[in-house]
Amino acid sequence: MWCRIAELRYKEVINMPDAARLGFVDDIEVDSQTAVPISLVVFGKPKLFGLLGKRDDVIIPWNDIKVIGDEVILVDIDIKEKLRPTKTEKECFFRL
């Protein structure tokens, strides 16, 4: 199956161990010298309509992707190790 990078944005990412819906692919990291994909990025969901900031982004290494299907991407990751903070404390509107 062929898939363009632009088509990845419409695929939902599902974590296989806990069947969690992580969201849709928002970005892809590519090595600029070799043009090899490094990871997929799923942006964090907003908290309280974005007023309280948003959750951390999920970074999925390319080797943790198990299946890229027509509508979903199945991954096998430990979610706590793959979070990337989205904002510093100074940038947050409210501190919780």
C-alpha atoms as a PDB file:
ATOM      1  CA  MET A   1       0.000   0.000   0.000  1.00  0.00           C
ATOM      2  CA  TRP A   2       1.302   3.451  -0.920  1.00  0.00           C
ATOM      3  CA  CYS A   3       0.663   6.390   1.370  1.00  0.00           C
ATOM      4  CA  ARG A   4       1.660  10.026   1.001  1.00  0.00           C
ATOM      5  CA  ILE A   5       2.781  12.052   3.986  1.00  0.00           C
ATOM      6  CA  ALA A   6      -0.206  14.362   3.524  1.00  0.00           C
ATOM      7  CA  GLU A   7      -2.554  11.375   3.820  1.00  0.00           C
ATOM      8  CA  LEU A   8      -1.144  10.480   7.257  1.00  0.00           C
ATOM      9  CA  ARG A   9      -2.951  13.512   8.726  1.00  0.00           C
ATOM     10  CA  TYR A  10      -6.315  11.793   8.219  1.00  0.00           C
ATOM     11  CA  LYS A  11      -5.322   8.596  10.015  1.00  0.00           C
ATOM     12  CA  GLU A  12      -6.060   8.076  13.694  1.00  0.00           C
ATOM     13  CA  VAL A  13      -3.295   6.697  15.912  1.00  0.00           C
ATOM     14  CA  ILE A  14      -4.249   3.795  18.213  1.00  0.00           C
ATOM     15  CA  ASN A  15      -1.948   2.404  20.912  1.00  0.00           C
ATOM     16  CA  MET A  16      -2.170  -1.407  20.823  1.00  0.00           C
ATOM     17  CA  PRO A  17      -1.364  -2.342  24.470  1.00  0.00           C
ATOM     18  CA  ASP A  18      -4.208  -0.323  25.999  1.00  0.00           C
ATOM     19  CA  ALA A  19      -6.321   0.433  22.877  1.00  0.00           C
ATOM     20  CA  ALA A  20      -6.063   4.166  23.626  1.00  0.00           C
ATOM     21  CA  ARG A  21      -6.971   6.637  20.909  1.00  0.00           C
ATOM     22  CA  LEU A  22      -4.025   9.036  20.808  1.00  0.00           C
ATOM     23  CA  GLY A  23      -5.438  11.356  18.137  1.00  0.00           C
ATOM     24  CA  PHE A  24      -4.623  12.136  14.542  1.00  0.00           C
ATOM     25  CA  VAL A  25      -1.153  12.601  13.057  1.00  0.00           C
ATOM     26  CA  ASP A  26      -0.281  16.301  13.127  1.00  0.00           C
ATOM     27  CA  ASP A  27       3.365  16.292  12.083  1.00  0.00           C
ATOM     28  CA  ILE A  28       6.175  14.022  10.960  1.00  0.00           C
ATOM     29  CA  GLU A  29       9.873  14.370  11.796  1.00  0.00           C
ATOM     30  CA  VAL A  30      12.251  13.510   8.957  1.00  0.00           C
ATOM     31  CA  ASP A  31      16.050  13.324   8.891  1.00  0.00           C
ATOM     32  CA  SER A  32      16.954  16.144   6.501  1.00  0.00           C
ATOM     33  CA  GLN A  33      20.126  14.478   5.224  1.00  0.00           C
ATOM     34  CA  THR A  34      18.814  10.989   4.483  1.00  0.00           C
ATOM     35  CA  ALA A  35      15.068  11.763   4.031  1.00  0.00           C
ATOM     36  CA  VAL A  36      14.229   8.905   6.412  1.00  0.00           C
ATOM     37  CA  PRO A  37      11.176   9.372   8.662  1.00  0.00           C
ATOM     38  CA  ILE A  38      12.122   9.527  12.340  1.00  0.00           C
ATOM     39  CA  SER A  39       8.823   9.882  14.172  1.00  0.00           C
ATOM     40  CA  LEU A  40       5.182  10.906  14.066  1.00  0.00           C
ATOM     41  CA  VAL A  41       3.873  13.710  16.280  1.00  0.00           C
ATOM     42  CA  VAL A  42       0.358  13.844  17.733  1.00  0.00           C
ATOM     43  CA  PHE A  43      -0.330  17.257  19.258  1.00  0.00           C
ATOM     44  CA  GLY A  44      -1.795  17.373  22.761  1.00  0.00           C
ATOM     45  CA  LYS A  45      -5.509  17.949  23.155  1.00  0.00           C
ATOM     46  CA  PRO A  46      -6.661  21.300  24.591  1.00  0.00           C
ATOM     47  CA  LYS A  47      -7.780  21.487  28.212  1.00  0.00           C
ATOM     48  CA  LEU A  48     -11.092  23.303  28.811  1.00  0.00           C
ATOM     49  CA  PHE A  49     -11.368  24.639  25.258  1.00  0.00           C
ATOM     50  CA  GLY A  50      -7.733  25.772  25.320  1.00  0.00           C
ATOM     51  CA  LEU A  51      -8.140  28.124  28.292  1.00  0.00           C
ATOM     52  CA  LEU A  52      -5.974  25.913  30.504  1.00  0.00           C
ATOM     53  CA  GLY A  53      -3.369  25.172  27.857  1.00  0.00           C
ATOM     54  CA  LYS A  54      -3.073  21.739  26.318  1.00  0.00           C
ATOM     55  CA  ARG A  55      -1.774  18.306  27.140  1.00  0.00           C
ATOM     56  CA  ASP A  56       1.728  17.197  26.145  1.00  0.00           C
ATOM     57  CA  ASP A  57       2.477  16.143  22.565  1.00  0.00           C
ATOM     58  CA  VAL A  58       2.996  12.423  21.895  1.00  0.00           C
ATOM     59  CA  ILE A  59       6.126  11.519  19.920  1.00  0.00           C
ATOM     60  CA  ILE A  60       5.952   8.098  18.232  1.00  0.00           C
ATOM     61  CA  PRO A  61       9.272   6.733  16.931  1.00  0.00           C
ATOM     62  CA  TRP A  62       9.013   5.274  13.447  1.00  0.00           C
ATOM     63  CA  ASN A  63      10.159   1.817  14.596  1.00  0.00           C
ATOM     64  CA  ASP A  64       7.231   1.641  17.084  1.00  0.00           C
ATOM     65  CA  ILE A  65       4.669   1.820  14.265  1.00  0.00           C
ATOM     66  CA  LYS A  66       3.269  -1.662  13.693  1.00  0.00           C
ATOM     67  CA  VAL A  67       0.637  -1.183  10.967  1.00  0.00           C
ATOM     68  CA  ILE A  68      -0.429   1.706   8.758  1.00  0.00           C
ATOM     69  CA  GLY A  69      -3.936   0.906   7.567  1.00  0.00           C
ATOM     70  CA  ASP A  70      -6.508   2.724   5.451  1.00  0.00           C
ATOM     71  CA  GLU A  71      -7.995   4.620   8.413  1.00  0.00           C
ATOM     72  CA  VAL A  72      -5.768   3.970  11.446  1.00  0.00           C
ATOM     73  CA  ILE A  73      -2.142   3.628  12.463  1.00  0.00           C
ATOM     74  CA  LEU A  74      -1.431   0.985  15.104  1.00  0.00           C
ATOM     75  CA  VAL A  75       1.517   1.679  17.405  1.00  0.00           C
ATOM     76  CA  ASP A  76       3.069  -0.116  20.369  1.00  0.00           C
ATOM     77  CA  ILE A  77       4.425   2.470  22.830  1.00  0.00           C
ATOM     78  CA  ASP A  78       4.633   3.203  26.544  1.00  0.00           C
ATOM     79  CA  ILE A  79       2.731   6.475  26.544  1.00  0.00           C
ATOM     80  CA  LYS A  80       4.468   7.991  29.598  1.00  0.00           C
ATOM     81  CA  GLU A  81       7.904   7.772  27.958  1.00  0.00           C
ATOM     82  CA  LYS A  82       6.797   9.413  24.704  1.00  0.00           C
ATOM     83  CA  LEU A  83       5.324  12.689  25.992  1.00  0.00           C
ATOM     84  CA  ARG A  84       6.947  15.993  25.036  1.00  0.00           C
ATOM     85  CA  PRO A  85       6.008  19.085  27.057  1.00  0.00           C
ATOM     86  CA  THR A  86       4.226  21.670  24.957  1.00  0.00           C
ATOM     87  CA  LYS A  87       4.650  24.826  27.061  1.00  0.00           C
ATOM     88  CA  THR A  88       6.778  26.053  29.908  1.00  0.00           C
ATOM     89  CA  GLU A  89       5.252  27.304  33.139  1.00  0.00           C
ATOM     90  CA  LYS A  90       5.739  30.924  32.069  1.00  0.00           C
ATOM     91  CA  GLU A  91       3.696  30.377  28.923  1.00  0.00           C
ATOM     92  CA  CYS A  92       0.733  28.792  30.705  1.00  0.00           C
ATOM     93  CA  PHE A  93      -2.244  31.003  31.478  1.00  0.00           C
ATOM     94  CA  PHE A  94      -3.173  29.101  34.624  1.00  0.00           C
ATOM     95  CA  ARG A  95      -0.880  26.967  36.750  1.00  0.00           C
ATOM     96  CA  LEU A  96      -2.424  23.793  38.063  1.00  0.00           C
END
